[in-house]
Amino acid sequence: MIDNPYPDKWQDLQLGVDRICRNVGLQSKVEVDVSTPRGSVNVDVLAVDELSLDNIKYIVECKNWSSSIPQSVVHSFTTVMHETGANIGFIISKHGLQSGAKEYTRNTNIVGLTYLEFQQRYFEAWWTRYFCPRVGDAADRVLQYTEEFNRHRDREYDKLSQENKDLFDQLRAKYRVSSFILAMFNLPSISTKIDTGTLLTPPSDLESFKIGVLSIITPEVTWYGTTFRELLDDILQYLLDAEESFNLLFGKYIFDPTPISGVGVDGPSI
């Protein structure tokens, strides 16, 4: 899944939920004091969809307990939901809700989920809005070095020594295919009308994506990530290393002065 679905500490669960919320485009914070008619109440995660017409508000209660969540917790959370005016409430835990708690939430705006179920619920949005654009952006920087026609690159290439020209040609041959295909991951964010076939379809599981997609794009690379976030970091590092190999030949990134963003950084909300 996106992250380890069984975090050791409740803080990891809380931060993981917050990070996924931000990755899919919500404005999200942890440990937020929210005003109510009875005073202030602290919520684990508060997320707002500022792109929605009504600024839909999500409140999340994180319980990294070793047992299922009882109905009493849902009762208390119902009060918080009512008094804060939240639109949707999640109670996210390791083992979900007890049967009575599940029944209590029926036909309400409160949803009880395990952390695994929460990730499954938002995986497609995370894939489309976060994973694909980050891969596409990083690959596009390498593609400027490897693409068939690029006048600026060709002018800089002509300034290289013959030894460095030979090294450039080797690097270009090595990364030409992977940079071109990985840059295509940005296409859905550019236009929803572009048909990318099955390449960018959210994968059913990590291993099928490694075998069915990445092994074809980069047959020389073994990918070890055990979650999609770890795999994303590995792909970004691969592309960063590729770009740096070209940069070293020219003494800099020749296309613009923008520094390369760090690997593994979540970045701003989308």
C-alpha atoms as a PDB file:
ATOM      1  CA  MET A   1       0.000   0.000   0.000  1.00  0.00           C
ATOM      2  CA  ILE A   2       0.996   3.658   0.223  1.00  0.00           C
ATOM      3  CA  ASP A   3       2.646   3.260   3.638  1.00  0.00           C
ATOM      4  CA  ASN A   4       3.115   0.564   6.258  1.00  0.00           C
ATOM      5  CA  PRO A   5      -0.496  -0.215   7.285  1.00  0.00           C
ATOM      6  CA  TYR A   6       0.571  -1.275  10.788  1.00  0.00           C
ATOM      7  CA  PRO A   7       2.582   1.566  12.343  1.00  0.00           C
ATOM      8  CA  ASP A   8       4.264   0.946  15.684  1.00  0.00           C
ATOM      9  CA  LYS A   9       3.285   4.238  17.333  1.00  0.00           C
ATOM     10  CA  TRP A  10       0.097   6.280  17.285  1.00  0.00           C
ATOM     11  CA  GLN A  11       2.137   9.312  16.249  1.00  0.00           C
ATOM     12  CA  ASP A  12       3.152   7.454  13.086  1.00  0.00           C
ATOM     13  CA  LEU A  13      -0.487   6.682  12.365  1.00  0.00           C
ATOM     14  CA  GLN A  14      -1.481  10.297  12.904  1.00  0.00           C
ATOM     15  CA  LEU A  15       1.322  11.690  10.749  1.00  0.00           C
ATOM     16  CA  GLY A  16       0.679   9.085   8.066  1.00  0.00           C
ATOM     17  CA  VAL A  17      -2.990  10.029   7.778  1.00  0.00           C
ATOM     18  CA  ASP A  18      -2.082  13.722   7.672  1.00  0.00           C
ATOM     19  CA  ARG A  19       0.513  13.129   4.958  1.00  0.00           C
ATOM     20  CA  ILE A  20      -1.886  11.187   2.735  1.00  0.00           C
ATOM     21  CA  CYS A  21      -4.490  13.925   3.149  1.00  0.00           C
ATOM     22  CA  ARG A  22      -1.970  16.524   2.002  1.00  0.00           C
ATOM     23  CA  ASN A  23      -0.775  14.333  -0.858  1.00  0.00           C
ATOM     24  CA  VAL A  24      -4.282  14.075  -2.321  1.00  0.00           C
ATOM     25  CA  GLY A  25      -4.771  17.838  -2.182  1.00  0.00           C
ATOM     26  CA  LEU A  26      -6.312  18.636   1.198  1.00  0.00           C
ATOM     27  CA  GLN A  27      -5.081  21.319   3.582  1.00  0.00           C
ATOM     28  CA  SER A  28      -4.288  19.176   6.604  1.00  0.00           C
ATOM     29  CA  LYS A  29      -2.780  19.597  10.093  1.00  0.00           C
ATOM     30  CA  VAL A  30      -2.283  17.418  13.142  1.00  0.00           C
ATOM     31  CA  GLU A  31      -3.160  18.222  16.767  1.00  0.00           C
ATOM     32  CA  VAL A  32      -5.500  21.097  15.985  1.00  0.00           C
ATOM     33  CA  ASP A  33      -7.541  22.956  18.611  1.00  0.00           C
ATOM     34  CA  VAL A  34     -11.046  23.528  17.246  1.00  0.00           C
ATOM     35  CA  SER A  35     -13.602  25.846  18.858  1.00  0.00           C
ATOM     36  CA  THR A  36     -16.929  24.373  19.997  1.00  0.00           C
ATOM     37  CA  PRO A  37     -19.888  25.776  21.973  1.00  0.00           C
ATOM     38  CA  ARG A  38     -18.363  24.153  25.078  1.00  0.00           C
ATOM     39  CA  GLY A  39     -14.846  25.416  24.507  1.00  0.00           C
ATOM     40  CA  SER A  40     -11.869  24.132  22.564  1.00  0.00           C
ATOM     41  CA  VAL A  41     -11.364  20.505  21.578  1.00  0.00           C
ATOM     42  CA  ASN A  42      -8.147  18.995  20.214  1.00  0.00           C
ATOM     43  CA  VAL A  43      -8.501  16.778  17.146  1.00  0.00           C
ATOM     44  CA  ASP A  44      -5.867  14.383  15.818  1.00  0.00           C
ATOM     45  CA  VAL A  45      -6.135  15.472  12.179  1.00  0.00           C
ATOM     46  CA  LEU A  46      -8.124  18.304  10.634  1.00  0.00           C
ATOM     47  CA  ALA A  47      -8.286  18.409   6.840  1.00  0.00           C
ATOM     48  CA  VAL A  48     -10.138  20.815   4.575  1.00  0.00           C
ATOM     49  CA  ASP A  49     -10.841  20.499   0.870  1.00  0.00           C
ATOM     50  CA  GLU A  50     -10.402  24.134  -0.132  1.00  0.00           C
ATOM     51  CA  LEU A  51     -11.172  23.315  -3.773  1.00  0.00           C
ATOM     52  CA  SER A  52     -14.673  22.146  -2.906  1.00  0.00           C
ATOM     53  CA  LEU A  53     -17.543  24.631  -3.065  1.00  0.00           C
ATOM     54  CA  ASP A  54     -18.322  24.297   0.629  1.00  0.00           C
ATOM     55  CA  ASN A  55     -14.825  23.825   2.075  1.00  0.00           C
ATOM     56  CA  ILE A  56     -15.601  20.273   3.121  1.00  0.00           C
ATOM     57  CA  LYS A  57     -14.086  19.612   6.529  1.00  0.00           C
ATOM     58  CA  TYR A  58     -12.722  16.238   7.644  1.00  0.00           C
ATOM     59  CA  ILE A  59     -11.920  15.351  11.244  1.00  0.00           C
ATOM     60  CA  VAL A  60      -9.918  12.216  11.969  1.00  0.00           C
ATOM     61  CA  GLU A  61      -9.552  10.336  15.233  1.00  0.00           C
ATOM     62  CA  CYS A  62      -6.501   8.045  15.195  1.00  0.00           C
ATOM     63  CA  LYS A  63      -6.458   5.018  17.513  1.00  0.00           C
ATOM     64  CA  ASN A  64      -3.430   2.749  17.187  1.00  0.00           C
ATOM     65  CA  TRP A  65      -4.915   0.313  19.700  1.00  0.00           C
ATOM     66  CA  SER A  66      -4.314  -3.439  19.770  1.00  0.00           C
ATOM     67  CA  SER A  67      -8.071  -4.035  19.983  1.00  0.00           C
ATOM     68  CA  SER A  68     -11.158  -2.943  18.046  1.00  0.00           C
ATOM     69  CA  ILE A  69     -12.720   0.417  18.864  1.00  0.00           C
ATOM     70  CA  PRO A  70     -15.759   0.267  21.210  1.00  0.00           C
ATOM     71  CA  GLN A  71     -19.019   2.144  20.836  1.00  0.00           C
ATOM     72  CA  SER A  72     -18.134   4.581  23.637  1.00  0.00           C
ATOM     73  CA  VAL A  73     -15.375   6.113  21.489  1.00  0.00           C
ATOM     74  CA  VAL A  74     -17.840   6.603  18.638  1.00  0.00           C
ATOM     75  CA  HIS A  75     -20.302   8.306  21.021  1.00  0.00           C
ATOM     76  CA  SER A  76     -17.649  10.827  22.066  1.00  0.00           C
ATOM     77  CA  PHE A  77     -16.576  11.386  18.483  1.00  0.00           C
ATOM     78  CA  THR A  78     -20.177  12.030  17.459  1.00  0.00           C
ATOM     79  CA  THR A  79     -20.275  14.954  19.882  1.00  0.00           C
ATOM     80  CA  VAL A  80     -17.040  16.345  18.455  1.00  0.00           C
ATOM     81  CA  MET A  81     -18.418  16.043  14.926  1.00  0.00           C
ATOM     82  CA  HIS A  82     -21.633  17.819  15.851  1.00  0.00           C
ATOM     83  CA  GLU A  83     -20.008  20.656  17.772  1.00  0.00           C
ATOM     84  CA  THR A  84     -17.242  21.360  15.269  1.00  0.00           C
ATOM     85  CA  GLY A  85     -19.487  21.297  12.214  1.00  0.00           C
ATOM     86  CA  ALA A  86     -17.313  18.760  10.413  1.00  0.00           C
ATOM     87  CA  ASN A  87     -18.730  17.220   7.250  1.00  0.00           C
ATOM     88  CA  ILE A  88     -17.009  13.835   7.407  1.00  0.00           C
ATOM     89  CA  GLY A  89     -15.403  12.025  10.305  1.00  0.00           C
ATOM     90  CA  PHE A  90     -12.981   9.116  10.239  1.00  0.00           C
ATOM     91  CA  ILE A  91     -12.025   6.877  13.108  1.00  0.00           C
ATOM     92  CA  ILE A  92      -8.879   5.167  11.879  1.00  0.00           C
ATOM     93  CA  SER A  93      -7.383   2.293  13.811  1.00  0.00           C
ATOM     94  CA  LYS A  94      -5.457  -0.960  13.530  1.00  0.00           C
ATOM     95  CA  HIS A  95      -8.426  -3.295  13.859  1.00  0.00           C
ATOM     96  CA  GLY A  96     -11.496  -1.241  12.999  1.00  0.00           C
ATOM     97  CA  LEU A  97     -14.698  -0.872  15.010  1.00  0.00           C
ATOM     98  CA  GLN A  98     -16.485  -3.342  17.222  1.00  0.00           C
ATOM     99  CA  SER A  99     -19.807  -4.616  15.874  1.00  0.00           C
ATOM    100  CA  GLY A 100     -21.864  -2.286  18.088  1.00  0.00           C
ATOM    101  CA  ALA A 101     -19.764   0.690  17.046  1.00  0.00           C
ATOM    102  CA  LYS A 102     -20.182  -0.227  13.372  1.00  0.00           C
ATOM    103  CA  GLU A 103     -23.935  -0.403  13.796  1.00  0.00           C
ATOM    104  CA  TYR A 104     -23.960   2.962  15.548  1.00  0.00           C
ATOM    105  CA  THR A 105     -22.200   4.664  12.626  1.00  0.00           C
ATOM    106  CA  ARG A 106     -24.627   3.270  10.059  1.00  0.00           C
ATOM    107  CA  ASN A 107     -26.305   6.104   8.116  1.00  0.00           C
ATOM    108  CA  THR A 108     -24.077   8.729   9.751  1.00  0.00           C
ATOM    109  CA  ASN A 109     -21.231  10.868   8.445  1.00  0.00           C
ATOM    110  CA  ILE A 110     -18.748   8.895  10.580  1.00  0.00           C
ATOM    111  CA  VAL A 111     -16.692   6.140   8.972  1.00  0.00           C
ATOM    112  CA  GLY A 112     -14.623   3.589  10.855  1.00  0.00           C
ATOM    113  CA  LEU A 113     -11.620   2.306   8.911  1.00  0.00           C
ATOM    114  CA  THR A 114      -8.408   0.457   9.503  1.00  0.00           C
ATOM    115  CA  TYR A 115      -5.331   2.332   8.318  1.00  0.00           C
ATOM    116  CA  LEU A 116      -5.088  -0.179   5.473  1.00  0.00           C
ATOM    117  CA  GLU A 117      -8.680   0.532   4.427  1.00  0.00           C
ATOM    118  CA  PHE A 118      -8.029   4.276   4.599  1.00  0.00           C
ATOM    119  CA  GLN A 119      -5.098   3.886   2.223  1.00  0.00           C
ATOM    120  CA  GLN A 120      -7.166   1.744  -0.137  1.00  0.00           C
ATOM    121  CA  ARG A 121      -9.936   4.334  -0.097  1.00  0.00           C
ATOM    122  CA  TYR A 122      -7.613   7.114  -1.233  1.00  0.00           C
ATOM    123  CA  PHE A 123      -5.030   5.184  -3.234  1.00  0.00           C
ATOM    124  CA  GLU A 124      -6.330   6.153  -6.673  1.00  0.00           C
ATOM    125  CA  ALA A 125      -6.376   9.856  -5.758  1.00  0.00           C
ATOM    126  CA  TRP A 126      -2.889   9.552  -4.233  1.00  0.00           C
ATOM    127  CA  TRP A 127      -1.592   7.782  -7.320  1.00  0.00           C
ATOM    128  CA  THR A 128      -3.080  10.298  -9.742  1.00  0.00           C
ATOM    129  CA  ARG A 129      -2.449  13.512  -7.826  1.00  0.00           C
ATOM    130  CA  TYR A 130       0.866  12.726  -6.147  1.00  0.00           C
ATOM    131  CA  PHE A 131       2.768   9.653  -7.353  1.00  0.00           C
ATOM    132  CA  CYS A 132       2.395  10.232 -11.097  1.00  0.00           C
ATOM    133  CA  PRO A 133       3.115  14.004 -11.135  1.00  0.00           C
ATOM    134  CA  ARG A 134       6.219  13.613  -8.971  1.00  0.00           C
ATOM    135  CA  VAL A 135       7.624  10.870 -11.192  1.00  0.00           C
ATOM    136  CA  GLY A 136       6.705  12.815 -14.324  1.00  0.00           C
ATOM    137  CA  ASP A 137       8.293  16.057 -13.114  1.00  0.00           C
ATOM    138  CA  ALA A 138      11.556  14.351 -12.144  1.00  0.00           C
ATOM    139  CA  ALA A 139      11.719  12.386 -15.401  1.00  0.00           C
ATOM    140  CA  ASP A 140      11.069  15.485 -17.486  1.00  0.00           C
ATOM    141  CA  ARG A 141      14.277  17.056 -16.202  1.00  0.00           C
ATOM    142  CA  VAL A 142      16.240  14.030 -17.449  1.00  0.00           C
ATOM    143  CA  LEU A 143      14.261  13.899 -20.692  1.00  0.00           C
ATOM    144  CA  GLN A 144      15.590  17.312 -21.680  1.00  0.00           C
ATOM    145  CA  TYR A 145      19.008  15.700 -21.862  1.00  0.00           C
ATOM    146  CA  THR A 146      17.885  12.544 -23.678  1.00  0.00           C
ATOM    147  CA  GLU A 147      15.118  13.640 -26.065  1.00  0.00           C
ATOM    148  CA  GLU A 148      15.704  13.540 -29.816  1.00  0.00           C
ATOM    149  CA  PHE A 149      15.574  17.281 -30.452  1.00  0.00           C
ATOM    150  CA  ASN A 150      16.672  19.973 -28.010  1.00  0.00           C
ATOM    151  CA  ARG A 151      18.535  22.950 -29.449  1.00  0.00           C
ATOM    152  CA  HIS A 152      19.768  24.271 -26.119  1.00  0.00           C
ATOM    153  CA  ARG A 153      21.188  20.888 -25.152  1.00  0.00           C
ATOM    154  CA  ASP A 154      22.825  20.504 -28.555  1.00  0.00           C
ATOM    155  CA  ARG A 155      24.533  23.898 -28.234  1.00  0.00           C
ATOM    156  CA  GLU A 156      25.898  22.942 -24.827  1.00  0.00           C
ATOM    157  CA  TYR A 157      26.895  19.519 -26.148  1.00  0.00           C
ATOM    158  CA  ASP A 158      29.017  21.129 -28.846  1.00  0.00           C
ATOM    159  CA  LYS A 159      31.069  22.844 -26.124  1.00  0.00           C
ATOM    160  CA  LEU A 160      32.046  19.556 -24.473  1.00  0.00           C
ATOM    161  CA  SER A 161      35.361  17.819 -24.929  1.00  0.00           C
ATOM    162  CA  GLN A 162      35.318  14.714 -27.084  1.00  0.00           C
ATOM    163  CA  GLU A 163      35.732  12.568 -23.983  1.00  0.00           C
ATOM    164  CA  ASN A 164      32.691  14.129 -22.343  1.00  0.00           C
ATOM    165  CA  LYS A 165      30.725  13.908 -25.586  1.00  0.00           C
ATOM    166  CA  ASP A 166      31.352  10.168 -25.575  1.00  0.00           C
ATOM    167  CA  LEU A 167      30.264   9.928 -21.954  1.00  0.00           C
ATOM    168  CA  PHE A 168      27.148  11.950 -22.737  1.00  0.00           C
ATOM    169  CA  ASP A 169      26.252   9.637 -25.609  1.00  0.00           C
ATOM    170  CA  GLN A 170      26.573   6.635 -23.296  1.00  0.00           C
ATOM    171  CA  LEU A 171      24.361   8.242 -20.662  1.00  0.00           C
ATOM    172  CA  ARG A 172      21.821   9.275 -23.238  1.00  0.00           C
ATOM    173  CA  ALA A 173      21.593   5.730 -24.555  1.00  0.00           C
ATOM    174  CA  LYS A 174      21.232   4.403 -21.012  1.00  0.00           C
ATOM    175  CA  TYR A 175      18.415   6.736 -19.924  1.00  0.00           C
ATOM    176  CA  ARG A 176      16.650   7.544 -23.205  1.00  0.00           C
ATOM    177  CA  VAL A 177      13.834   5.015 -22.882  1.00  0.00           C
ATOM    178  CA  SER A 178      13.260   5.240 -19.138  1.00  0.00           C
ATOM    179  CA  SER A 179      13.212   9.059 -19.069  1.00  0.00           C
ATOM    180  CA  PHE A 180      10.773   9.195 -21.980  1.00  0.00           C
ATOM    181  CA  ILE A 181       8.327   6.681 -20.505  1.00  0.00           C
ATOM    182  CA  LEU A 182       8.558   7.939 -16.920  1.00  0.00           C
ATOM    183  CA  ALA A 183       7.957  11.505 -18.138  1.00  0.00           C
ATOM    184  CA  MET A 184       4.625  10.249 -19.484  1.00  0.00           C
ATOM    185  CA  PHE A 185       3.442   9.814 -15.894  1.00  0.00           C
ATOM    186  CA  ASN A 186       2.774  13.541 -15.891  1.00  0.00           C
ATOM    187  CA  LEU A 187       0.270  13.370 -18.738  1.00  0.00           C
ATOM    188  CA  PRO A 188      -2.919  12.862 -16.656  1.00  0.00           C
ATOM    189  CA  SER A 189      -2.183  16.031 -14.673  1.00  0.00           C
ATOM    190  CA  ILE A 190      -1.705  17.962 -17.921  1.00  0.00           C
ATOM    191  CA  SER A 191      -4.869  16.787 -19.638  1.00  0.00           C
ATOM    192  CA  THR A 192      -7.539  14.281 -18.685  1.00  0.00           C
ATOM    193  CA  LYS A 193      -8.309  13.862 -22.407  1.00  0.00           C
ATOM    194  CA  ILE A 194      -5.004  12.130 -23.144  1.00  0.00           C
ATOM    195  CA  ASP A 195      -5.389   8.362 -23.427  1.00  0.00           C
ATOM    196  CA  THR A 196      -2.384   6.769 -21.726  1.00  0.00           C
ATOM    197  CA  GLY A 197      -3.769   3.242 -21.936  1.00  0.00           C
ATOM    198  CA  THR A 198      -2.902   0.908 -19.101  1.00  0.00           C
ATOM    199  CA  LEU A 199       0.489   2.454 -18.305  1.00  0.00           C
ATOM    200  CA  LEU A 200      -0.833   4.924 -15.750  1.00  0.00           C
ATOM    201  CA  THR A 201      -3.784   2.905 -14.479  1.00  0.00           C
ATOM    202  CA  PRO A 202      -3.545   2.690 -10.683  1.00  0.00           C
ATOM    203  CA  PRO A 203      -1.929  -0.714 -10.082  1.00  0.00           C
ATOM    204  CA  SER A 204      -3.693  -3.408  -8.094  1.00  0.00           C
ATOM    205  CA  ASP A 205      -0.592  -4.169  -6.035  1.00  0.00           C
ATOM    206  CA  LEU A 206       3.044  -3.199  -5.689  1.00  0.00           C
ATOM    207  CA  GLU A 207       4.650  -6.323  -7.081  1.00  0.00           C
ATOM    208  CA  SER A 208       2.528  -6.358 -10.238  1.00  0.00           C
ATOM    209  CA  PHE A 209       3.592  -2.761 -10.893  1.00  0.00           C
ATOM    210  CA  LYS A 210       7.261  -3.632 -10.409  1.00  0.00           C
ATOM    211  CA  ILE A 211       7.042  -6.654 -12.704  1.00  0.00           C
ATOM    212  CA  GLY A 212       4.518  -5.473 -15.259  1.00  0.00           C
ATOM    213  CA  VAL A 213       5.695  -1.867 -15.649  1.00  0.00           C
ATOM    214  CA  LEU A 214       9.017  -0.982 -14.047  1.00  0.00           C
ATOM    215  CA  SER A 215      10.833  -4.134 -15.150  1.00  0.00           C
ATOM    216  CA  ILE A 216      10.010  -3.187 -18.753  1.00  0.00           C
ATOM    217  CA  ILE A 217      10.965   0.477 -18.383  1.00  0.00           C
ATOM    218  CA  THR A 218      14.167  -0.183 -16.412  1.00  0.00           C
ATOM    219  CA  PRO A 219      15.180  -3.826 -16.957  1.00  0.00           C
ATOM    220  CA  GLU A 220      18.616  -3.142 -15.478  1.00  0.00           C
ATOM    221  CA  VAL A 221      17.223  -1.974 -12.112  1.00  0.00           C
ATOM    222  CA  THR A 222      15.960  -4.040  -9.190  1.00  0.00           C
ATOM    223  CA  TRP A 223      13.342  -2.156  -7.177  1.00  0.00           C
ATOM    224  CA  TYR A 224      13.254  -2.992  -3.458  1.00  0.00           C
ATOM    225  CA  GLY A 225      10.572  -0.665  -2.043  1.00  0.00           C
ATOM    226  CA  THR A 226       7.974  -2.495   0.061  1.00  0.00           C
ATOM    227  CA  THR A 227       5.360   0.297  -0.087  1.00  0.00           C
ATOM    228  CA  PHE A 228       4.403   2.638  -2.905  1.00  0.00           C
ATOM    229  CA  ARG A 229       5.898   5.575  -1.026  1.00  0.00           C
ATOM    230  CA  GLU A 230       9.220   3.778  -0.660  1.00  0.00           C
ATOM    231  CA  LEU A 231       9.082   2.864  -4.332  1.00  0.00           C
ATOM    232  CA  LEU A 232       8.358   6.490  -5.238  1.00  0.00           C
ATOM    233  CA  ASP A 233      11.420   7.579  -3.289  1.00  0.00           C
ATOM    234  CA  ASP A 234      13.506   4.938  -5.110  1.00  0.00           C
ATOM    235  CA  ILE A 235      12.273   6.082  -8.535  1.00  0.00           C
ATOM    236  CA  LEU A 236      12.956   9.731  -7.676  1.00  0.00           C
ATOM    237  CA  GLN A 237      16.461   8.806  -6.515  1.00  0.00           C
ATOM    238  CA  TYR A 238      17.048   6.889  -9.758  1.00  0.00           C
ATOM    239  CA  LEU A 239      16.029   9.948 -11.775  1.00  0.00           C
ATOM    240  CA  LEU A 240      17.993  12.301  -9.554  1.00  0.00           C
ATOM    241  CA  ASP A 241      21.118  10.165 -10.036  1.00  0.00           C
ATOM    242  CA  ALA A 242      20.523  10.162 -13.791  1.00  0.00           C
ATOM    243  CA  GLU A 243      20.175  13.940 -13.879  1.00  0.00           C
ATOM    244  CA  GLU A 244      23.245  14.435 -11.723  1.00  0.00           C
ATOM    245  CA  SER A 245      25.295  12.278 -14.093  1.00  0.00           C
ATOM    246  CA  PHE A 246      24.430  14.660 -16.916  1.00  0.00           C
ATOM    247  CA  ASN A 247      24.906  17.730 -14.728  1.00  0.00           C
ATOM    248  CA  LEU A 248      28.449  16.673 -13.867  1.00  0.00           C
ATOM    249  CA  LEU A 249      29.417  16.590 -17.532  1.00  0.00           C
ATOM    250  CA  PHE A 250      28.206  20.147 -18.071  1.00  0.00           C
ATOM    251  CA  GLY A 251      29.124  21.498 -14.640  1.00  0.00           C
ATOM    252  CA  LYS A 252      25.507  22.418 -13.874  1.00  0.00           C
ATOM    253  CA  TYR A 253      21.876  21.774 -14.769  1.00  0.00           C
ATOM    254  CA  ILE A 254      21.891  23.524 -18.119  1.00  0.00           C
ATOM    255  CA  PHE A 255      18.165  24.174 -18.617  1.00  0.00           C
ATOM    256  CA  ASP A 256      17.214  26.436 -15.709  1.00  0.00           C
ATOM    257  CA  PRO A 257      18.552  27.554 -12.316  1.00  0.00           C
ATOM    258  CA  THR A 258      15.805  25.840 -10.300  1.00  0.00           C
ATOM    259  CA  PRO A 259      17.333  23.538  -7.658  1.00  0.00           C
ATOM    260  CA  ILE A 260      16.315  19.890  -7.603  1.00  0.00           C
ATOM    261  CA  SER A 261      13.737  19.100  -4.900  1.00  0.00           C
ATOM    262  CA  GLY A 262      14.801  16.617  -2.236  1.00  0.00           C
ATOM    263  CA  VAL A 263      13.878  12.967  -2.495  1.00  0.00           C
ATOM    264  CA  GLY A 264      11.246  11.808  -0.060  1.00  0.00           C
ATOM    265  CA  VAL A 265       9.886  15.293   0.668  1.00  0.00           C
ATOM    266  CA  ASP A 266       6.116  15.541   0.529  1.00  0.00           C
ATOM    267  CA  GLY A 267       6.084  19.057  -0.853  1.00  0.00           C
ATOM    268  CA  PRO A 268       3.137  21.425  -0.887  1.00  0.00           C
ATOM    269  CA  SER A 269      -0.428  20.311  -1.229  1.00  0.00           C
ATOM    270  CA  ILE A 270      -1.595  19.701  -4.763  1.00  0.00           C
END
